[in-house]
PDB file of N, CA and C in Angstrom:
ATOM      1  N   LYS A   1      -4.222 -23.472  -8.495  1.00  0.00           N
ATOM      2  CA  LYS A   1      -5.289 -22.480  -8.427  1.00  0.00           C
ATOM      3  C   LYS A   1      -4.936 -21.379  -7.414  1.00  0.00           C
ATOM      4  N   ASN A   2      -4.419 -21.775  -6.233  1.00  0.00           N
ATOM      5  CA  ASN A   2      -4.034 -20.773  -5.222  1.00  0.00           C
ATOM      6  C   ASN A   2      -2.947 -19.826  -5.709  1.00  0.00           C
ATOM      7  N   ILE A   3      -1.977 -20.376  -6.433  1.00  0.00           N
ATOM      8  CA  ILE A   3      -0.873 -19.547  -6.940  1.00  0.00           C
ATOM      9  C   ILE A   3      -1.414 -18.481  -7.892  1.00  0.00           C
ATOM     10  N   THR A   4      -2.300 -18.873  -8.766  1.00  0.00           N
ATOM     11  CA  THR A   4      -2.916 -17.932  -9.718  1.00  0.00           C
ATOM     12  C   THR A   4      -3.704 -16.874  -8.961  1.00  0.00           C
ATOM     13  N   LEU A   5      -4.471 -17.309  -7.988  1.00  0.00           N
ATOM     14  CA  LEU A   5      -5.271 -16.379  -7.188  1.00  0.00           C
ATOM     15  C   LEU A   5      -4.369 -15.399  -6.439  1.00  0.00           C
ATOM     16  N   GLN A   6      -3.304 -15.910  -5.843  1.00  0.00           N
ATOM     17  CA  GLN A   6      -2.356 -15.045  -5.127  1.00  0.00           C
ATOM     18  C   GLN A   6      -1.752 -14.012  -6.072  1.00  0.00           C
ATOM     19  N   ARG A   7      -1.337 -14.473  -7.244  1.00  0.00           N
ATOM     20  CA  ARG A   7      -0.747 -13.565  -8.238  1.00  0.00           C
ATOM     21  C   ARG A   7      -1.764 -12.509  -8.678  1.00  0.00           C
ATOM     22  N   ASP A   8      -3.012 -12.923  -8.898  1.00  0.00           N
ATOM     23  CA  ASP A   8      -4.061 -11.991  -9.326  1.00  0.00           C
ATOM     24  C   ASP A   8      -4.347 -10.937  -8.255  1.00  0.00           C
ATOM     25  N   ILE A   9      -4.349 -11.363  -7.004  1.00  0.00           N
ATOM     26  CA  ILE A   9      -4.599 -10.427  -5.898  1.00  0.00           C
ATOM     27  C   ILE A   9      -3.477  -9.393  -5.820  1.00  0.00           C
ATOM     28  N   LEU A  10      -2.218  -9.846  -5.854  1.00  0.00           N
ATOM     29  CA  LEU A  10      -1.087  -8.916  -5.782  1.00  0.00           C
ATOM     30  C   LEU A  10      -1.069  -7.985  -6.994  1.00  0.00           C
ATOM     31  N   SER A  11      -1.383  -8.523  -8.138  1.00  0.00           N
ATOM     32  CA  SER A  11      -1.432  -7.726  -9.363  1.00  0.00           C
ATOM     33  C   SER A  11      -2.507  -6.643  -9.248  1.00  0.00           C
ATOM     34  N   TYR A  12      -3.668  -7.036  -8.739  1.00  0.00           N
ATOM     35  CA  TYR A  12      -4.758  -6.070  -8.552  1.00  0.00           C
ATOM     36  C   TYR A  12      -4.336  -4.947  -7.604  1.00  0.00           C
ATOM     37  N   ILE A  13      -3.696  -5.292  -6.502  1.00  0.00           N
ATOM     38  CA  ILE A  13      -3.245  -4.287  -5.531  1.00  0.00           C
ATOM     39  C   ILE A  13      -2.208  -3.369  -6.172  1.00  0.00           C
ATOM     40  N   ASN A  14      -1.264  -3.946  -6.901  1.00  0.00           N
ATOM     41  CA  ASN A  14      -0.209  -3.137  -7.519  1.00  0.00           C
ATOM     42  C   ASN A  14      -0.732  -2.207  -8.611  1.00  0.00           C
ATOM     43  N   LYS A  15      -1.827  -2.594  -9.241  1.00  0.00           N
ATOM     44  CA  LYS A  15      -2.417  -1.736 -10.279  1.00  0.00           C
ATOM     45  C   LYS A  15      -3.368  -0.690  -9.706  1.00  0.00           C
ATOM     46  N   ASN A  16      -3.861  -0.923  -8.490  1.00  0.00           N
ATOM     47  CA  ASN A  16      -4.911  -0.062  -7.929  1.00  0.00           C
ATOM     48  C   ASN A  16      -4.581   0.573  -6.585  1.00  0.00           C
ATOM     49  N   TYR A  17      -3.315   0.479  -6.153  1.00  0.00           N
ATOM     50  CA  TYR A  17      -2.936   0.980  -4.828  1.00  0.00           C
ATOM     51  C   TYR A  17      -3.279   2.458  -4.636  1.00  0.00           C
ATOM     52  N   MET A  18      -3.339   3.211  -5.733  1.00  0.00           N
ATOM     53  CA  MET A  18      -3.580   4.656  -5.620  1.00  0.00           C
ATOM     54  C   MET A  18      -5.049   4.979  -5.344  1.00  0.00           C
ATOM     55  N   HIS A  19      -5.905   3.983  -5.512  1.00  0.00           N
ATOM     56  CA  HIS A  19      -7.331   4.166  -5.231  1.00  0.00           C
ATOM     57  C   HIS A  19      -7.655   3.636  -3.838  1.00  0.00           C
ATOM     58  N   LYS A  20      -8.839   3.967  -3.374  1.00  0.00           N
ATOM     59  CA  LYS A  20      -9.292   3.411  -2.107  1.00  0.00           C
ATOM     60  C   LYS A  20      -9.615   1.940  -2.348  1.00  0.00           C
ATOM     61  N   ILE A  21      -8.945   1.058  -1.622  1.00  0.00           N
ATOM     62  CA  ILE A  21      -9.260  -0.375  -1.725  1.00  0.00           C
ATOM     63  C   ILE A  21      -9.615  -0.843  -0.322  1.00  0.00           C
ATOM     64  N   SER A  22     -10.877  -1.045  -0.084  1.00  0.00           N
ATOM     65  CA  SER A  22     -11.273  -1.549   1.234  1.00  0.00           C
ATOM     66  C   SER A  22     -11.211  -3.071   1.223  1.00  0.00           C
ATOM     67  N   LEU A  23     -11.126  -3.632   2.401  1.00  0.00           N
ATOM     68  CA  LEU A  23     -11.151  -5.081   2.542  1.00  0.00           C
ATOM     69  C   LEU A  23     -12.431  -5.637   1.911  1.00  0.00           C
ATOM     70  N   LYS A  24     -13.529  -4.942   2.156  1.00  0.00           N
ATOM     71  CA  LYS A  24     -14.823  -5.360   1.615  1.00  0.00           C
ATOM     72  C   LYS A  24     -14.785  -5.413   0.081  1.00  0.00           C
ATOM     73  N   ASP A  25     -14.226  -4.367  -0.534  1.00  0.00           N
ATOM     74  CA  ASP A  25     -14.163  -4.294  -1.999  1.00  0.00           C
ATOM     75  C   ASP A  25     -13.303  -5.398  -2.596  1.00  0.00           C
ATOM     76  N   ILE A  26     -12.106  -5.573  -2.025  1.00  0.00           N
ATOM     77  CA  ILE A  26     -11.192  -6.561  -2.620  1.00  0.00           C
ATOM     78  C   ILE A  26     -11.689  -7.984  -2.375  1.00  0.00           C
ATOM     79  N   ALA A  27     -12.300  -8.215  -1.233  1.00  0.00           N
ATOM     80  CA  ALA A  27     -12.865  -9.548  -0.959  1.00  0.00           C
ATOM     81  C   ALA A  27     -13.965  -9.855  -1.977  1.00  0.00           C
ATOM     82  N   ALA A  28     -14.832  -8.884  -2.204  1.00  0.00           N
ATOM     83  CA  ALA A  28     -15.921  -9.063  -3.175  1.00  0.00           C
ATOM     84  C   ALA A  28     -15.361  -9.268  -4.585  1.00  0.00           C
ATOM     85  N   ARG A  29     -14.327  -8.527  -4.907  1.00  0.00           N
ATOM     86  CA  ARG A  29     -13.698  -8.607  -6.231  1.00  0.00           C
ATOM     87  C   ARG A  29     -13.212 -10.027  -6.510  1.00  0.00           C
ATOM     88  N   PHE A  30     -12.762 -10.706  -5.460  1.00  0.00           N
ATOM     89  CA  PHE A  30     -12.257 -12.073  -5.621  1.00  0.00           C
ATOM     90  C   PHE A  30     -13.234 -13.122  -5.079  1.00  0.00           C
ATOM     91  N   HIS A  31     -14.497 -12.712  -4.959  1.00  0.00           N
ATOM     92  CA  HIS A  31     -15.592 -13.625  -4.600  1.00  0.00           C
ATOM     93  C   HIS A  31     -15.358 -14.366  -3.292  1.00  0.00           C
ATOM     94  N   MET A  32     -14.959 -13.598  -2.263  1.00  0.00           N
ATOM     95  CA  MET A  32     -14.749 -14.176  -0.935  1.00  0.00           C
ATOM     96  C   MET A  32     -15.429 -13.294   0.100  1.00  0.00           C
ATOM     97  N   SER A  33     -15.671 -13.864   1.270  1.00  0.00           N
ATOM     98  CA  SER A  33     -16.114 -13.029   2.388  1.00  0.00           C
ATOM     99  C   SER A  33     -14.882 -12.270   2.884  1.00  0.00           C
ATOM    100  N   GLU A  34     -15.119 -11.192   3.625  1.00  0.00           N
ATOM    101  CA  GLU A  34     -13.999 -10.419   4.171  1.00  0.00           C
ATOM    102  C   GLU A  34     -13.138 -11.289   5.082  1.00  0.00           C
ATOM    103  N   LYS A  35     -13.818 -12.069   5.910  1.00  0.00           N
ATOM    104  CA  LYS A  35     -13.112 -12.930   6.861  1.00  0.00           C
ATOM    105  C   LYS A  35     -12.243 -13.960   6.127  1.00  0.00           C
ATOM    106  N   TYR A  36     -12.813 -14.592   5.110  1.00  0.00           N
ATOM    107  CA  TYR A  36     -12.061 -15.597   4.361  1.00  0.00           C
ATOM    108  C   TYR A  36     -10.895 -14.950   3.607  1.00  0.00           C
ATOM    109  N   PHE A  37     -11.147 -13.803   2.989  1.00  0.00           N
ATOM    110  CA  PHE A  37     -10.088 -13.105   2.256  1.00  0.00           C
ATOM    111  C   PHE A  37      -8.931 -12.758   3.194  1.00  0.00           C
ATOM    112  N   SER A  38      -9.267 -12.195   4.357  1.00  0.00           N
ATOM    113  CA  SER A  38      -8.233 -11.819   5.334  1.00  0.00           C
ATOM    114  C   SER A  38      -7.376 -13.014   5.717  1.00  0.00           C
ATOM    115  N   ARG A  39      -8.030 -14.125   5.990  1.00  0.00           N
ATOM    116  CA  ARG A  39      -7.317 -15.334   6.383  1.00  0.00           C
ATOM    117  C   ARG A  39      -6.464 -15.859   5.224  1.00  0.00           C
ATOM    118  N   PHE A  40      -7.057 -15.896   4.038  1.00  0.00           N
ATOM    119  CA  PHE A  40      -6.346 -16.364   2.848  1.00  0.00           C
ATOM    120  C   PHE A  40      -5.100 -15.510   2.600  1.00  0.00           C
ATOM    121  N   PHE A  41      -5.267 -14.183   2.685  1.00  0.00           N
ATOM    122  CA  PHE A  41      -4.158 -13.269   2.428  1.00  0.00           C
ATOM    123  C   PHE A  41      -3.038 -13.473   3.445  1.00  0.00           C
ATOM    124  N   LYS A  42      -3.407 -13.487   4.709  1.00  0.00           N
ATOM    125  CA  LYS A  42      -2.430 -13.645   5.802  1.00  0.00           C
ATOM    126  C   LYS A  42      -1.700 -14.988   5.680  1.00  0.00           C
ATOM    127  N   ASN A  43      -2.431 -16.046   5.389  1.00  0.00           N
ATOM    128  CA  ASN A  43      -1.807 -17.368   5.235  1.00  0.00           C
ATOM    129  C   ASN A  43      -0.905 -17.431   4.007  1.00  0.00           C
ATOM    130  N   SER A  44      -1.277 -16.721   2.960  1.00  0.00           N
ATOM    131  CA  SER A  44      -0.502 -16.743   1.716  1.00  0.00           C
ATOM    132  C   SER A  44       0.767 -15.914   1.798  1.00  0.00           C
ATOM    133  N   PHE A  45       0.692 -14.759   2.454  1.00  0.00           N
ATOM    134  CA  PHE A  45       1.792 -13.794   2.381  1.00  0.00           C
ATOM    135  C   PHE A  45       2.424 -13.434   3.736  1.00  0.00           C
ATOM    136  N   GLN A  46       1.920 -14.034   4.823  1.00  0.00           N
ATOM    137  CA  GLN A  46       2.444 -13.777   6.175  1.00  0.00           C
ATOM    138  C   GLN A  46       2.423 -12.283   6.546  1.00  0.00           C
ATOM    139  N   ILE A  47       1.456 -11.575   6.025  1.00  0.00           N
ATOM    140  CA  ILE A  47       1.276 -10.153   6.302  1.00  0.00           C
ATOM    141  C   ILE A  47      -0.215  -9.870   6.068  1.00  0.00           C
ATOM    142  N   THR A  48      -0.763  -8.905   6.777  1.00  0.00           N
ATOM    143  CA  THR A  48      -2.188  -8.622   6.553  1.00  0.00           C
ATOM    144  C   THR A  48      -2.359  -7.837   5.257  1.00  0.00           C
ATOM    145  N   PHE A  49      -3.567  -7.865   4.733  1.00  0.00           N
ATOM    146  CA  PHE A  49      -3.880  -7.124   3.513  1.00  0.00           C
ATOM    147  C   PHE A  49      -3.536  -5.638   3.657  1.00  0.00           C
ATOM    148  N   ILE A  50      -3.963  -5.030   4.769  1.00  0.00           N
ATOM    149  CA  ILE A  50      -3.722  -3.589   4.977  1.00  0.00           C
ATOM    150  C   ILE A  50      -2.229  -3.300   5.092  1.00  0.00           C
ATOM    151  N   GLU A  51      -1.491  -4.144   5.805  1.00  0.00           N
ATOM    152  CA  GLU A  51      -0.032  -3.962   5.916  1.00  0.00           C
ATOM    153  C   GLU A  51       0.617  -4.025   4.532  1.00  0.00           C
ATOM    154  N   TYR A  52       0.165  -4.978   3.728  1.00  0.00           N
ATOM    155  CA  TYR A  52       0.734  -5.111   2.387  1.00  0.00           C
ATOM    156  C   TYR A  52       0.388  -3.894   1.519  1.00  0.00           C
ATOM    157  N   LEU A  53      -0.874  -3.511   1.539  1.00  0.00           N
ATOM    158  CA  LEU A  53      -1.316  -2.351   0.750  1.00  0.00           C
ATOM    159  C   LEU A  53      -0.507  -1.112   1.138  1.00  0.00           C
ATOM    160  N   ASN A  54      -0.354  -0.878   2.426  1.00  0.00           N
ATOM    161  CA  ASN A  54       0.426   0.278   2.882  1.00  0.00           C
ATOM    162  C   ASN A  54       1.892   0.170   2.487  1.00  0.00           C
ATOM    163  N   SER A  55       2.445  -1.033   2.512  1.00  0.00           N
ATOM    164  CA  SER A  55       3.853  -1.176   2.127  1.00  0.00           C
ATOM    165  C   SER A  55       4.041  -0.866   0.646  1.00  0.00           C
ATOM    166  N   VAL A  56       3.099  -1.281  -0.195  1.00  0.00           N
ATOM    167  CA  VAL A  56       3.157  -0.947  -1.626  1.00  0.00           C
ATOM    168  C   VAL A  56       3.082   0.570  -1.795  1.00  0.00           C
ATOM    169  N   ARG A  57       2.139   1.187  -1.099  1.00  0.00           N
ATOM    170  CA  ARG A  57       1.975   2.638  -1.195  1.00  0.00           C
ATOM    171  C   ARG A  57       3.218   3.383  -0.719  1.00  0.00           C
ATOM    172  N   LEU A  58       3.818   2.912   0.364  1.00  0.00           N
ATOM    173  CA  LEU A  58       5.011   3.568   0.909  1.00  0.00           C
ATOM    174  C   LEU A  58       6.216   3.405  -0.024  1.00  0.00           C
ATOM    175  N   GLU A  59       6.347   2.237  -0.648  1.00  0.00           N
ATOM    176  CA  GLU A  59       7.439   2.026  -1.607  1.00  0.00           C
ATOM    177  C   GLU A  59       7.288   2.976  -2.799  1.00  0.00           C
ATOM    178  N   LYS A  60       6.068   3.118  -3.299  1.00  0.00           N
ATOM    179  CA  LYS A  60       5.815   4.033  -4.422  1.00  0.00           C
ATOM    180  C   LYS A  60       6.126   5.465  -4.002  1.00  0.00           C
ATOM    181  N   ALA A  61       5.732   5.818  -2.790  1.00  0.00           N
ATOM    182  CA  ALA A  61       5.988   7.171  -2.277  1.00  0.00           C
ATOM    183  C   ALA A  61       7.493   7.422  -2.174  1.00  0.00           C
ATOM    184  N   ALA A  62       8.227   6.469  -1.649  1.00  0.00           N
ATOM    185  CA  ALA A  62       9.681   6.609  -1.519  1.00  0.00           C
ATOM    186  C   ALA A  62      10.314   6.809  -2.890  1.00  0.00           C
ATOM    187  N   SER A  63       9.825   6.058  -3.858  1.00  0.00           N
ATOM    188  CA  SER A  63      10.334   6.187  -5.218  1.00  0.00           C
ATOM    189  C   SER A  63      10.052   7.586  -5.779  1.00  0.00           C
ATOM    190  N   LEU A  64       8.833   8.077  -5.590  1.00  0.00           N
ATOM    191  CA  LEU A  64       8.479   9.418  -6.076  1.00  0.00           C
ATOM    192  C   LEU A  64       9.263  10.514  -5.351  1.00  0.00           C
ATOM    193  N   LEU A  65       9.529  10.310  -4.070  1.00  0.00           N
ATOM    194  CA  LEU A  65      10.298  11.302  -3.312  1.00  0.00           C
ATOM    195  C   LEU A  65      11.719  11.445  -3.861  1.00  0.00           C
ATOM    196  N   THR A  66      12.276  10.340  -4.336  1.00  0.00           N
ATOM    197  CA  THR A  66      13.657  10.385  -4.831  1.00  0.00           C
ATOM    198  C   THR A  66      13.749  10.736  -6.313  1.00  0.00           C
ATOM    199  N   THR A  67      12.654  10.599  -7.057  1.00  0.00           N
ATOM    200  CA  THR A  67      12.729  10.811  -8.505  1.00  0.00           C
ATOM    201  C   THR A  67      11.966  12.042  -9.003  1.00  0.00           C
ATOM    202  N   THR A  68      11.210  12.696  -8.121  1.00  0.00           N
ATOM    203  CA  THR A  68      10.451  13.878  -8.539  1.00  0.00           C
ATOM    204  C   THR A  68      10.637  14.990  -7.513  1.00  0.00           C
ATOM    205  N   ASP A  69      10.161  16.170  -7.852  1.00  0.00           N
ATOM    206  CA  ASP A  69      10.160  17.236  -6.853  1.00  0.00           C
ATOM    207  C   ASP A  69       8.731  17.617  -6.466  1.00  0.00           C
ATOM    208  N   MET A  70       7.820  16.656  -6.634  1.00  0.00           N
ATOM    209  CA  MET A  70       6.434  16.858  -6.217  1.00  0.00           C
ATOM    210  C   MET A  70       6.365  17.095  -4.716  1.00  0.00           C
ATOM    211  N   PRO A  71       5.421  17.932  -4.275  1.00  0.00           N
ATOM    212  CA  PRO A  71       5.237  18.128  -2.831  1.00  0.00           C
ATOM    213  C   PRO A  71       4.864  16.812  -2.131  1.00  0.00           C
ATOM    214  N   VAL A  72       5.288  16.686  -0.896  1.00  0.00           N
ATOM    215  CA  VAL A  72       5.028  15.469  -0.109  1.00  0.00           C
ATOM    216  C   VAL A  72       3.530  15.166  -0.036  1.00  0.00           C
ATOM    217  N   THR A  73       2.714  16.198   0.176  1.00  0.00           N
ATOM    218  CA  THR A  73       1.266  15.956   0.278  1.00  0.00           C
ATOM    219  C   THR A  73       0.709  15.388  -1.029  1.00  0.00           C
ATOM    220  N   GLU A  74       1.193  15.894  -2.143  1.00  0.00           N
ATOM    221  CA  GLU A  74       0.735  15.395  -3.443  1.00  0.00           C
ATOM    222  C   GLU A  74       1.140  13.934  -3.625  1.00  0.00           C
ATOM    223  N   ILE A  75       2.353  13.616  -3.245  1.00  0.00           N
ATOM    224  CA  ILE A  75       2.838  12.231  -3.337  1.00  0.00           C
ATOM    225  C   ILE A  75       1.974  11.317  -2.472  1.00  0.00           C
ATOM    226  N   ALA A  76       1.660  11.773  -1.270  1.00  0.00           N
ATOM    227  CA  ALA A  76       0.815  10.971  -0.374  1.00  0.00           C
ATOM    228  C   ALA A  76      -0.523  10.655  -1.043  1.00  0.00           C
ATOM    229  N   PHE A  77      -1.159  11.676  -1.612  1.00  0.00           N
ATOM    230  CA  PHE A  77      -2.461  11.475  -2.263  1.00  0.00           C
ATOM    231  C   PHE A  77      -2.350  10.578  -3.490  1.00  0.00           C
ATOM    232  N   ILE A  78      -1.319  10.807  -4.299  1.00  0.00           N
ATOM    233  CA  ILE A  78      -1.105   9.992  -5.500  1.00  0.00           C
ATOM    234  C   ILE A  78      -0.941   8.521  -5.132  1.00  0.00           C
ATOM    235  N   CYS A  79      -0.324   8.276  -3.978  1.00  0.00           N
ATOM    236  CA  CYS A  79      -0.061   6.902  -3.554  1.00  0.00           C
ATOM    237  C   CYS A  79      -1.215   6.282  -2.768  1.00  0.00           C
ATOM    238  N   GLY A  80      -2.319   7.006  -2.645  1.00  0.00           N
ATOM    239  CA  GLY A  80      -3.511   6.421  -2.042  1.00  0.00           C
ATOM    240  C   GLY A  80      -3.725   6.744  -0.579  1.00  0.00           C
ATOM    241  N   PHE A  81      -2.889   7.608  -0.010  1.00  0.00           N
ATOM    242  CA  PHE A  81      -3.093   8.003   1.384  1.00  0.00           C
ATOM    243  C   PHE A  81      -4.022   9.214   1.422  1.00  0.00           C
ATOM    244  N   VAL A  82      -5.052   9.162   2.253  1.00  0.00           N
ATOM    245  CA  VAL A  82      -5.971  10.298   2.365  1.00  0.00           C
ATOM    246  C   VAL A  82      -5.667  11.147   3.596  1.00  0.00           C
ATOM    247  N   ASN A  83      -4.934  10.571   4.526  1.00  0.00           N
ATOM    248  CA  ASN A  83      -4.606  11.276   5.760  1.00  0.00           C
ATOM    249  C   ASN A  83      -3.091  11.519   5.790  1.00  0.00           C
ATOM    250  N   ILE A  84      -2.707  12.784   5.697  1.00  0.00           N
ATOM    251  CA  ILE A  84      -1.289  13.139   5.610  1.00  0.00           C
ATOM    252  C   ILE A  84      -0.510  12.743   6.866  1.00  0.00           C
ATOM    253  N   SER A  85      -1.082  12.989   8.038  1.00  0.00           N
ATOM    254  CA  SER A  85      -0.336  12.647   9.258  1.00  0.00           C
ATOM    255  C   SER A  85      -0.157  11.131   9.375  1.00  0.00           C
ATOM    256  N   TYR A  86      -1.151  10.354   8.931  1.00  0.00           N
ATOM    257  CA  TYR A  86      -1.003   8.895   8.909  1.00  0.00           C
ATOM    258  C   TYR A  86       0.104   8.498   7.922  1.00  0.00           C
ATOM    259  N   PHE A  87       0.142   9.159   6.777  1.00  0.00           N
ATOM    260  CA  PHE A  87       1.187   8.889   5.789  1.00  0.00           C
ATOM    261  C   PHE A  87       2.572   9.154   6.382  1.00  0.00           C
ATOM    262  N   ILE A  88       2.746  10.315   6.986  1.00  0.00           N
ATOM    263  CA  ILE A  88       4.049  10.688   7.544  1.00  0.00           C
ATOM    264  C   ILE A  88       4.466   9.728   8.658  1.00  0.00           C
ATOM    265  N   ARG A  89       3.513   9.394   9.540  1.00  0.00           N
ATOM    266  CA  ARG A  89       3.780   8.442  10.621  1.00  0.00           C
ATOM    267  C   ARG A  89       4.191   7.077  10.062  1.00  0.00           C
ATOM    268  N   SER A  90       3.433   6.594   9.084  1.00  0.00           N
ATOM    269  CA  SER A  90       3.723   5.286   8.473  1.00  0.00           C
ATOM    270  C   SER A  90       5.064   5.300   7.755  1.00  0.00           C
ATOM    271  N   PHE A  91       5.332   6.399   7.067  1.00  0.00           N
ATOM    272  CA  PHE A  91       6.582   6.527   6.319  1.00  0.00           C
ATOM    273  C   PHE A  91       7.778   6.487   7.268  1.00  0.00           C
ATOM    274  N   LYS A  92       7.663   7.248   8.357  1.00  0.00           N
ATOM    275  CA  LYS A  92       8.732   7.302   9.364  1.00  0.00           C
ATOM    276  C   LYS A  92       8.978   5.912   9.960  1.00  0.00           C
ATOM    277  N   LYS A  93       7.893   5.199  10.236  1.00  0.00           N
ATOM    278  CA  LYS A  93       8.002   3.853  10.804  1.00  0.00           C
ATOM    279  C   LYS A  93       8.705   2.904   9.813  1.00  0.00           C
ATOM    280  N   ALA A  94       8.374   3.038   8.541  1.00  0.00           N
ATOM    281  CA  ALA A  94       8.932   2.140   7.531  1.00  0.00           C
ATOM    282  C   ALA A  94      10.370   2.481   7.149  1.00  0.00           C
ATOM    283  N   PHE A  95      10.685   3.776   7.061  1.00  0.00           N
ATOM    284  CA  PHE A  95      11.982   4.191   6.531  1.00  0.00           C
ATOM    285  C   PHE A  95      12.895   4.887   7.545  1.00  0.00           C
ATOM    286  N   GLY A  96      12.389   5.094   8.760  1.00  0.00           N
ATOM    287  CA  GLY A  96      13.224   5.673   9.802  1.00  0.00           C
ATOM    288  C   GLY A  96      13.347   7.189   9.775  1.00  0.00           C
ATOM    289  N   ASN A  97      12.790   7.810   8.758  1.00  0.00           N
ATOM    290  CA  ASN A  97      12.822   9.266   8.622  1.00  0.00           C
ATOM    291  C   ASN A  97      11.501   9.777   8.064  1.00  0.00           C
ATOM    292  N   SER A  98      11.240  11.058   8.277  1.00  0.00           N
ATOM    293  CA  SER A  98      10.064  11.663   7.660  1.00  0.00           C
ATOM    294  C   SER A  98      10.291  11.730   6.156  1.00  0.00           C
ATOM    295  N   PRO A  99       9.234  11.862   5.359  1.00  0.00           N
ATOM    296  CA  PRO A  99       9.399  11.983   3.908  1.00  0.00           C
ATOM    297  C   PRO A  99      10.351  13.116   3.514  1.00  0.00           C
ATOM    298  N   HIS A 100      10.278  14.253   4.222  1.00  0.00           N
ATOM    299  CA  HIS A 100      11.145  15.396   3.901  1.00  0.00           C
ATOM    300  C   HIS A 100      12.620  15.053   4.091  1.00  0.00           C
ATOM    301  N   VAL A 101      12.932  14.454   5.240  1.00  0.00           N
ATOM    302  CA  VAL A 101      14.312  14.081   5.551  1.00  0.00           C
ATOM    303  C   VAL A 101      14.779  12.983   4.583  1.00  0.00           C
ATOM    304  N   PHE A 102      13.916  12.025   4.322  1.00  0.00           N
ATOM    305  CA  PHE A 102      14.231  10.932   3.385  1.00  0.00           C
ATOM    306  C   PHE A 102      14.622  11.512   2.026  1.00  0.00           C
ATOM    307  N   ARG A 103      13.837  12.455   1.552  1.00  0.00           N
ATOM    308  CA  ARG A 103      14.113  13.083   0.249  1.00  0.00           C
ATOM    309  C   ARG A 103      15.452  13.830   0.278  1.00  0.00           C
ATOM    310  N   LYS A 104      15.665  14.581   1.344  1.00  0.00           N
ATOM    311  CA  LYS A 104      16.886  15.373   1.475  1.00  0.00           C
ATOM    312  C   LYS A 104      18.130  14.475   1.468  1.00  0.00           C
ATOM    313  N   ASN A 105      18.014  13.332   2.118  1.00  0.00           N
ATOM    314  CA  ASN A 105      19.157  12.417   2.248  1.00  0.00           C
ATOM    315  C   ASN A 105      19.404  11.558   1.025  1.00  0.00           C
ATOM    316  N   SER A 106      18.469  11.545   0.088  1.00  0.00           N
ATOM    317  CA  SER A 106      18.655  10.622  -1.047  1.00  0.00           C
ATOM    318  C   SER A 106      19.178  11.318  -2.287  1.00  0.00           C
TER     319      SER A 106
END
C-alpha cells in the first residue's frame, strides 16, 4: 500500500509541478493531515516535499533552458516558480550557475 501511495504522490507532483501545489493541498489530496503528509514524505524519500517539488521544477527548467530559446522568466513561470529571484537563487544553488550562464554553457 505504501509503495502505491508513494508512486501516486510522485506521479501527482510530476504531472502538476507547474501549478501551485501547497503542502495543505497535496496533503488533502491524499487524505492526510499536513503534519502526517510531511512526515510520510520525508520518511519515504529522505527529502522534504518542498525540496522535492523544487528539484522537479529545477530539472524541468534546466531541460527547457537547453532545448528552447524561451526567456528565463517564462521558463521560471512555466515550471511553477512565481518569484524570479527565488528561481535564480535556487537554480544557482542546484546547478552552480545562473540560468543564463547554464544556457550559454550547454
